[in-house]
Amino acid sequence: MITPRPVSRTDSELATSRQNMSDARFFHYLMSLAITVVICWGIWSALVWGQAGAPTVTSQWIGDIYAKKTEIAKELGSPKLVIVAGSNGLFGFSCQQINAALDYSCLNGATQGGLSLSYLLWRAQQDFLAPGDTVLLPLEYELYILRSRLRPTFLDFLWSRDPGYFWTVSSLTQLEMLMGVSTERLKAGWRAKFKPKKLQKDRYSSKTLNQFGDETNNVADARRPEQIARVENSEPFEFTGSESLHSNFRTLESFIQWCQQHQIQILTTWPNILEGDTYAKPEAQRFFERVQAFYQDNNVPVIGSPRDGQRPKKDLFDTRHHLNSMGQQARTVQIIPQLKPYLKN
């Protein structure tokens, strides 16, 4: 009896078999990697959301001044002038002076420039502005140039005081808000959740705001040594990265359209900042021209010139953006006649 000869697999069949095994191992690797990423992402998201709303000390001042200014806005009603910006507007303009000079209600709604441009404008829409109002935007140069959504100050405030804002933004921004939280900030949030701390005495306080929302604790003679040192070490703003203006212009365009739809007059002016030679450089001049052209294209009046907001060190309180009481008074006196044609009861 003749035994059948075993059928041998061809080289082609062997190669195909090895390829299939390799593909299967690679597929299992990808699946394992995807599952690991999903698990890690779920754990991180749970950790971030678990401490959401826990009041960190570092976010208290911003939360408190927003609460106080919101109440002032309700009391003032409409029409009123509302200043919206970072702290250059908080320390640099006096709504009390504007009200006295023009007999026009005024809310200093400026808060902190470390928040994102989108958030500053959104919060003004939610809490400060109503049909018939006028909004003045003395926005810091950083708010035009920097893509500031993920700045630590903003993320600290967002997760401590306003986590609901998370649901108003795009999925991409939500992802950035979750991924942008540092491990140190996460630890601080969990500590605040179980052991809340009170605001330290050497920090800014909402108690120093007057009935118009102006900062009043900016008397030069009352400064501490470290505040004086910060001013002496301050440098003028350097215009680098101004090529990234487009995304911030889109944010402003949306706000302008919203104001127009809600019968809110919108004005802009230049921010308060330490003076210096940097503003005469070609890149600075190009920046000023682009900002001016943007507002002109959107039919928004620009009040004054960049030079109006550039102040000497003797006018500063504790940073290059914060004016002391004398600087604040001088800047407000300067802008009052410029505002007058636009504010009619």
Protein backbone atom coordinates (compact mmCIF):
# COMPACT_ATOMS: atom_id res chain seq x y z
CA MET A 1 0.00 0.00 0.00
CA ILE A 2 1.37 3.35 -1.02
CA THR A 3 1.24 5.99 1.74
CA PRO A 4 0.05 9.41 0.46
CA ARG A 5 2.75 12.02 0.48
CA PRO A 6 1.99 14.94 2.83
CA VAL A 7 0.94 18.07 1.05
CA SER A 8 3.46 20.78 1.81
CA ARG A 9 2.40 24.43 2.10
CA THR A 10 3.80 26.69 -0.52
CA ASP A 11 5.99 29.64 0.34
CA SER A 12 3.13 31.91 -0.64
CA GLU A 13 0.74 30.22 1.78
CA LEU A 14 3.27 30.41 4.60
CA ALA A 15 3.84 34.11 3.97
CA THR A 16 0.11 34.76 3.97
CA SER A 17 -0.32 32.90 7.24
CA ARG A 18 2.49 34.82 8.90
CA GLN A 19 1.03 38.11 7.64
CA ASN A 20 -2.40 37.23 9.05
CA MET A 21 -0.86 36.42 12.42
CA SER A 22 1.06 39.71 12.35
CA ASP A 23 -2.07 41.65 11.44
CA ALA A 24 -3.99 40.00 14.26
CA ARG A 25 -1.29 40.86 16.79
CA PHE A 26 -1.19 44.47 15.54
CA PHE A 27 -4.99 44.71 15.76
CA HIS A 28 -4.96 43.40 19.33
CA TYR A 29 -2.21 45.90 20.16
CA LEU A 30 -4.26 48.78 18.78
CA MET A 31 -7.35 47.61 20.66
CA SER A 32 -5.38 47.34 23.90
CA LEU A 33 -3.90 50.78 23.36
CA ALA A 34 -7.32 52.30 22.60
CA ILE A 35 -8.86 50.70 25.69
CA THR A 36 -5.97 51.96 27.83
CA VAL A 37 -6.37 55.51 26.47
CA VAL A 38 -10.13 55.43 27.08
CA ILE A 39 -9.65 54.18 30.64
CA CYS A 40 -6.96 56.79 31.40
CA TRP A 41 -9.10 59.53 29.83
CA GLY A 42 -12.09 58.45 31.88
CA ILE A 43 -10.06 58.48 35.09
CA TRP A 44 -8.61 61.94 34.32
CA SER A 45 -12.03 63.36 33.42
CA ALA A 46 -13.49 61.94 36.63
CA LEU A 47 -10.69 63.50 38.66
CA VAL A 48 -11.20 66.91 37.04
CA TRP A 49 -14.98 66.86 37.35
CA GLY A 50 -14.77 65.47 40.87
CA GLN A 51 -13.20 68.71 42.11
CA ALA A 52 -15.24 71.04 39.86
CA GLY A 53 -16.81 73.81 41.88
CA ALA A 54 -14.34 73.49 44.76
CA PRO A 55 -13.45 77.11 45.64
CA THR A 56 -9.69 77.62 45.41
CA VAL A 57 -8.22 80.65 47.16
CA THR A 58 -6.53 81.77 43.96
CA SER A 59 -9.87 82.10 42.16
CA GLN A 60 -11.81 83.80 44.97
CA TRP A 61 -11.10 87.41 44.06
CA ILE A 62 -12.31 87.02 40.48
CA GLY A 63 -15.40 85.14 41.60
CA ASP A 64 -16.21 87.74 44.24
CA ILE A 65 -15.82 90.75 41.95
CA TYR A 66 -18.00 89.12 39.28
CA ALA A 67 -20.70 88.52 41.88
CA LYS A 68 -20.52 92.12 43.11
CA LYS A 69 -20.49 93.64 39.62
CA THR A 70 -23.46 91.49 38.59
CA GLU A 71 -25.48 92.93 41.46
CA ILE A 72 -24.42 96.47 40.51
CA ALA A 73 -25.55 95.84 36.92
CA LYS A 74 -28.99 94.79 38.15
CA GLU A 75 -29.28 97.88 40.34
CA LEU A 76 -28.23 100.28 37.57
CA GLY A 77 -30.64 98.94 34.95
CA SER A 78 -30.43 100.43 31.44
CA PRO A 79 -29.23 102.47 29.67
CA LYS A 80 -25.74 102.35 31.11
CA LEU A 81 -22.11 102.32 30.02
CA VAL A 82 -20.34 99.03 30.75
CA ILE A 83 -16.54 98.73 30.64
CA VAL A 84 -15.42 95.21 29.68
CA ALA A 85 -11.74 94.26 29.79
CA GLY A 86 -9.11 92.77 32.02
CA SER A 87 -7.67 94.54 35.05
CA ASN A 88 -6.26 97.45 33.04
CA GLY A 89 -9.87 98.63 32.87
CA LEU A 90 -10.60 97.78 36.50
CA PHE A 91 -7.71 99.89 37.79
CA GLY A 92 -7.56 102.38 34.94
CA PHE A 93 -11.03 103.92 34.61
CA SER A 94 -13.42 105.45 37.13
CA CYS A 95 -17.10 104.93 36.40
CA GLN A 96 -17.78 107.12 39.39
CA GLN A 97 -16.08 110.05 37.60
CA ILE A 98 -17.85 109.25 34.33
CA ASN A 99 -21.21 109.17 36.07
CA ALA A 100 -20.57 112.49 37.80
CA ALA A 101 -19.30 114.23 34.66
CA LEU A 102 -21.85 112.93 32.15
CA ASP A 103 -24.82 112.10 34.40
CA TYR A 104 -24.86 108.64 32.84
CA SER A 105 -25.01 105.31 34.66
CA CYS A 106 -21.74 103.43 34.46
CA LEU A 107 -20.58 99.96 35.49
CA ASN A 108 -16.91 99.09 35.60
CA GLY A 109 -17.30 95.47 34.51
CA ALA A 110 -13.58 94.92 33.92
CA THR A 111 -12.12 91.96 35.79
CA GLN A 112 -8.95 89.96 35.00
CA GLY A 113 -6.99 89.71 31.77
CA GLY A 114 -5.87 86.18 32.58
CA LEU A 115 -9.34 85.00 31.62
CA SER A 116 -9.95 84.25 27.96
CA LEU A 117 -11.32 86.87 25.59
CA SER A 118 -14.26 84.56 24.85
CA TYR A 119 -15.11 84.25 28.52
CA LEU A 120 -14.84 87.98 29.27
CA LEU A 121 -17.27 88.77 26.45
CA TRP A 122 -19.60 85.85 27.22
CA ARG A 123 -19.84 86.82 30.89
CA ALA A 124 -20.65 90.42 29.93
CA GLN A 125 -23.47 89.11 27.73
CA GLN A 126 -24.83 86.97 30.54
CA ASP A 127 -24.59 89.34 33.50
CA PHE A 128 -23.92 92.96 32.52
CA LEU A 129 -25.43 93.97 29.19
CA ALA A 130 -29.03 94.67 28.18
CA PRO A 131 -30.73 96.42 25.22
CA GLY A 132 -30.02 100.15 25.27
CA ASP A 133 -26.60 99.79 26.92
CA THR A 134 -23.22 100.88 25.58
CA VAL A 135 -20.18 98.66 26.02
CA LEU A 136 -16.63 100.04 26.00
CA LEU A 137 -13.78 97.60 25.24
CA PRO A 138 -10.31 98.79 26.38
CA LEU A 139 -8.95 95.29 25.77
CA GLU A 140 -5.39 94.42 26.74
CA TYR A 141 -3.04 93.77 23.84
CA GLU A 142 -2.59 90.23 25.14
CA LEU A 143 -6.28 89.54 24.56
CA TYR A 144 -5.89 90.38 20.88
CA ILE A 145 -2.71 88.40 20.37
CA LEU A 146 -2.64 85.45 22.76
CA ARG A 147 -4.73 82.36 22.31
CA SER A 148 -5.57 82.54 25.97
CA ARG A 149 -8.19 79.86 26.54
CA LEU A 150 -5.79 77.66 28.48
CA ARG A 151 -4.03 80.22 30.62
CA PRO A 152 -3.70 78.89 34.20
CA THR A 153 -5.71 81.77 35.70
CA PHE A 154 -8.65 80.96 33.45
CA LEU A 155 -8.59 77.21 34.07
CA ASP A 156 -8.30 77.76 37.82
CA PHE A 157 -11.30 80.09 37.79
CA LEU A 158 -13.34 77.95 35.38
CA TRP A 159 -13.11 74.74 37.38
CA SER A 160 -13.52 76.52 40.72
CA ARG A 161 -16.22 79.10 40.08
CA ASP A 162 -17.95 78.50 36.75
CA PRO A 163 -17.68 74.87 35.54
CA GLY A 164 -21.02 75.26 33.74
CA TYR A 165 -19.23 77.36 31.11
CA PHE A 166 -17.70 74.09 29.92
CA TRP A 167 -21.02 73.11 28.30
CA THR A 168 -21.30 76.31 26.27
CA VAL A 169 -18.15 75.79 24.18
CA SER A 170 -17.15 73.50 21.31
CA SER A 171 -16.03 69.90 21.79
CA LEU A 172 -12.47 70.84 20.89
CA THR A 173 -12.41 73.58 23.52
CA GLN A 174 -13.90 71.18 26.07
CA LEU A 175 -11.06 68.78 25.34
CA GLU A 176 -8.53 71.57 25.82
CA MET A 177 -10.15 72.61 29.08
CA LEU A 178 -9.87 69.09 30.46
CA MET A 179 -6.36 68.42 29.18
CA GLY A 180 -5.08 71.86 30.23
CA VAL A 181 -5.53 71.25 33.95
CA SER A 182 -2.13 70.71 35.54
CA THR A 183 -1.58 68.08 38.23
CA GLU A 184 -0.79 70.87 40.72
CA ARG A 185 -4.09 72.59 39.95
CA LEU A 186 -5.89 69.27 40.27
CA LYS A 187 -4.36 68.72 43.71
CA ALA A 188 -5.32 72.26 44.74
CA GLY A 189 -8.90 71.61 43.65
CA TRP A 190 -9.20 68.44 45.70
CA ARG A 191 -7.65 70.15 48.72
CA ALA A 192 -10.16 72.99 48.37
CA LYS A 193 -13.00 70.48 48.12
CA PHE A 194 -12.28 69.07 51.57
CA LYS A 195 -10.49 71.98 53.26
CA PRO A 196 -11.68 75.34 51.86
CA LYS A 197 -9.46 78.28 52.77
CA LYS A 198 -10.29 81.94 53.20
CA LEU A 199 -8.80 84.67 51.03
CA GLN A 200 -5.43 85.86 52.29
CA LYS A 201 -5.27 89.46 53.47
CA ASP A 202 -2.49 90.43 51.06
CA ARG A 203 -4.58 89.54 47.98
CA TYR A 204 -7.01 91.76 46.09
CA SER A 205 -10.51 91.92 47.56
CA SER A 206 -13.98 92.69 46.24
CA LYS A 207 -14.53 94.80 49.35
CA THR A 208 -12.45 97.60 47.82
CA LEU A 209 -14.81 98.03 44.85
CA ASN A 210 -17.10 101.05 45.02
CA GLN A 211 -20.78 101.18 44.01
CA PHE A 212 -19.76 101.55 40.35
CA GLY A 213 -17.42 98.55 40.31
CA ASP A 214 -14.23 100.66 40.31
CA GLU A 215 -11.12 99.54 42.18
CA THR A 216 -10.40 101.99 45.01
CA ASN A 217 -7.47 100.26 46.73
CA ASN A 218 -4.91 101.70 44.32
CA VAL A 219 -3.46 104.65 46.24
CA ALA A 220 0.24 104.93 45.38
CA ASP A 221 1.32 105.96 48.88
CA ALA A 222 -0.32 102.84 50.37
CA ARG A 223 1.72 100.36 48.33
CA ARG A 224 3.78 97.60 49.89
CA PRO A 225 7.49 97.30 48.98
CA GLU A 226 6.88 94.32 46.69
CA GLN A 227 4.23 96.27 44.76
CA ILE A 228 6.65 99.15 44.24
CA ALA A 229 9.32 96.69 43.12
CA ARG A 230 6.97 95.11 40.55
CA VAL A 231 6.38 98.51 38.98
CA GLU A 232 10.07 99.37 38.93
CA ASN A 233 10.85 96.05 37.25
CA SER A 234 8.02 96.32 34.72
CA GLU A 235 8.77 96.42 31.00
CA PRO A 236 6.66 97.78 28.12
CA PHE A 237 4.69 95.31 26.05
CA GLU A 238 6.57 93.60 23.22
CA PHE A 239 4.57 92.89 20.06
CA THR A 240 5.49 89.36 19.04
CA GLY A 241 3.06 86.78 17.68
CA SER A 242 0.60 89.37 16.38
CA GLU A 243 0.19 87.23 13.27
CA SER A 244 -2.30 85.13 15.31
CA LEU A 245 -4.91 87.88 15.46
CA HIS A 246 -7.41 86.12 13.20
CA SER A 247 -8.96 83.74 15.75
CA ASN A 248 -9.43 86.56 18.27
CA PHE A 249 -10.93 88.80 15.59
CA ARG A 250 -13.50 86.07 14.91
CA THR A 251 -14.41 86.05 18.60
CA LEU A 252 -14.83 89.82 18.53
CA GLU A 253 -16.88 89.69 15.33
CA SER A 254 -19.35 87.33 16.99
CA PHE A 255 -19.63 89.65 19.97
CA ILE A 256 -20.15 92.70 17.75
CA GLN A 257 -22.93 90.91 15.88
CA TRP A 258 -24.55 89.93 19.16
CA CYS A 259 -24.46 93.54 20.36
CA GLN A 260 -26.02 94.75 17.12
CA GLN A 261 -28.79 92.15 17.40
CA HIS A 262 -29.55 93.24 20.98
CA GLN A 263 -29.49 97.01 20.35
CA ILE A 264 -26.28 97.51 22.32
CA GLN A 265 -23.88 100.22 21.18
CA ILE A 266 -20.25 99.06 21.09
CA LEU A 267 -17.18 101.29 21.43
CA THR A 268 -13.51 100.47 21.85
CA THR A 269 -10.44 102.25 23.09
CA TRP A 270 -6.82 101.45 23.83
CA PRO A 271 -5.69 99.77 27.06
CA ASN A 272 -3.74 101.27 29.92
CA ILE A 273 -0.14 100.09 30.00
CA LEU A 274 3.38 101.20 30.84
CA GLU A 275 4.78 103.57 28.23
CA GLY A 276 7.93 102.74 26.26
CA ASP A 277 9.80 102.82 22.95
CA THR A 278 8.44 99.42 21.88
CA TYR A 279 5.20 101.01 20.67
CA ALA A 280 7.04 102.93 17.97
CA LYS A 281 8.52 99.77 16.42
CA PRO A 282 7.21 98.64 13.00
CA GLU A 283 5.57 95.50 14.42
CA ALA A 284 3.68 97.58 16.98
CA GLN A 285 2.53 100.05 14.36
CA ARG A 286 1.33 97.19 12.14
CA PHE A 287 -0.61 95.80 15.09
CA PHE A 288 -2.30 99.14 15.79
CA GLU A 289 -3.22 99.51 12.12
CA ARG A 290 -4.72 96.03 11.94
CA VAL A 291 -6.80 96.55 15.07
CA GLN A 292 -8.00 99.95 13.86
CA ALA A 293 -8.89 98.53 10.44
CA PHE A 294 -10.75 95.60 12.00
CA TYR A 295 -13.01 97.88 14.03
CA GLN A 296 -13.57 100.23 11.10
CA ASP A 297 -14.61 97.27 8.93
CA ASN A 298 -17.13 96.32 11.61
CA ASN A 299 -18.44 99.89 12.12
CA VAL A 300 -17.17 100.14 15.69
CA PRO A 301 -15.86 103.57 16.76
CA VAL A 302 -12.32 103.58 18.13
CA ILE A 303 -11.91 106.25 20.81
CA GLY A 304 -8.56 108.00 21.08
CA SER A 305 -5.14 106.70 20.07
CA PRO A 306 -2.78 104.04 21.49
CA ARG A 307 -0.72 106.83 23.06
CA ASP A 308 -3.66 107.72 25.33
CA GLY A 309 -3.27 104.53 27.34
CA GLN A 310 0.52 104.59 27.60
CA ARG A 311 1.36 105.79 31.10
CA PRO A 312 4.60 106.62 32.97
CA LYS A 313 5.67 104.57 35.97
CA LYS A 314 4.54 107.32 38.33
CA ASP A 315 0.95 106.51 37.25
CA LEU A 316 1.23 102.77 37.96
CA PHE A 317 0.12 100.95 41.10
CA ASP A 318 1.55 97.41 41.11
CA THR A 319 1.80 96.07 37.52
CA ARG A 320 2.33 97.53 34.07
CA HIS A 321 -1.45 97.40 33.50
CA HIS A 322 -2.68 98.74 36.87
CA LEU A 323 -2.95 102.50 37.30
CA ASN A 324 -2.82 104.10 40.71
CA SER A 325 -5.57 106.48 41.80
CA MET A 326 -3.88 109.52 40.24
CA GLY A 327 -3.29 107.72 36.95
CA GLN A 328 -6.84 106.40 37.02
CA GLN A 329 -8.22 109.89 37.51
CA ALA A 330 -6.07 111.37 34.72
CA ARG A 331 -7.01 108.62 32.24
CA THR A 332 -10.70 109.00 33.03
CA VAL A 333 -10.60 112.80 32.66
CA GLN A 334 -8.95 112.22 29.29
CA ILE A 335 -11.65 109.85 27.99
CA ILE A 336 -14.78 111.62 29.32
CA PRO A 337 -15.04 114.19 26.48
CA GLN A 338 -14.33 111.41 23.98
CA LEU A 339 -17.25 109.38 25.36
CA LYS A 340 -19.71 112.25 25.59
CA PRO A 341 -20.95 112.20 21.94
CA TYR A 342 -21.93 108.54 22.30
CA LEU A 343 -23.75 108.67 25.61
CA LYS A 344 -27.18 110.26 25.43
CA ASN A 345 -29.97 109.58 27.90
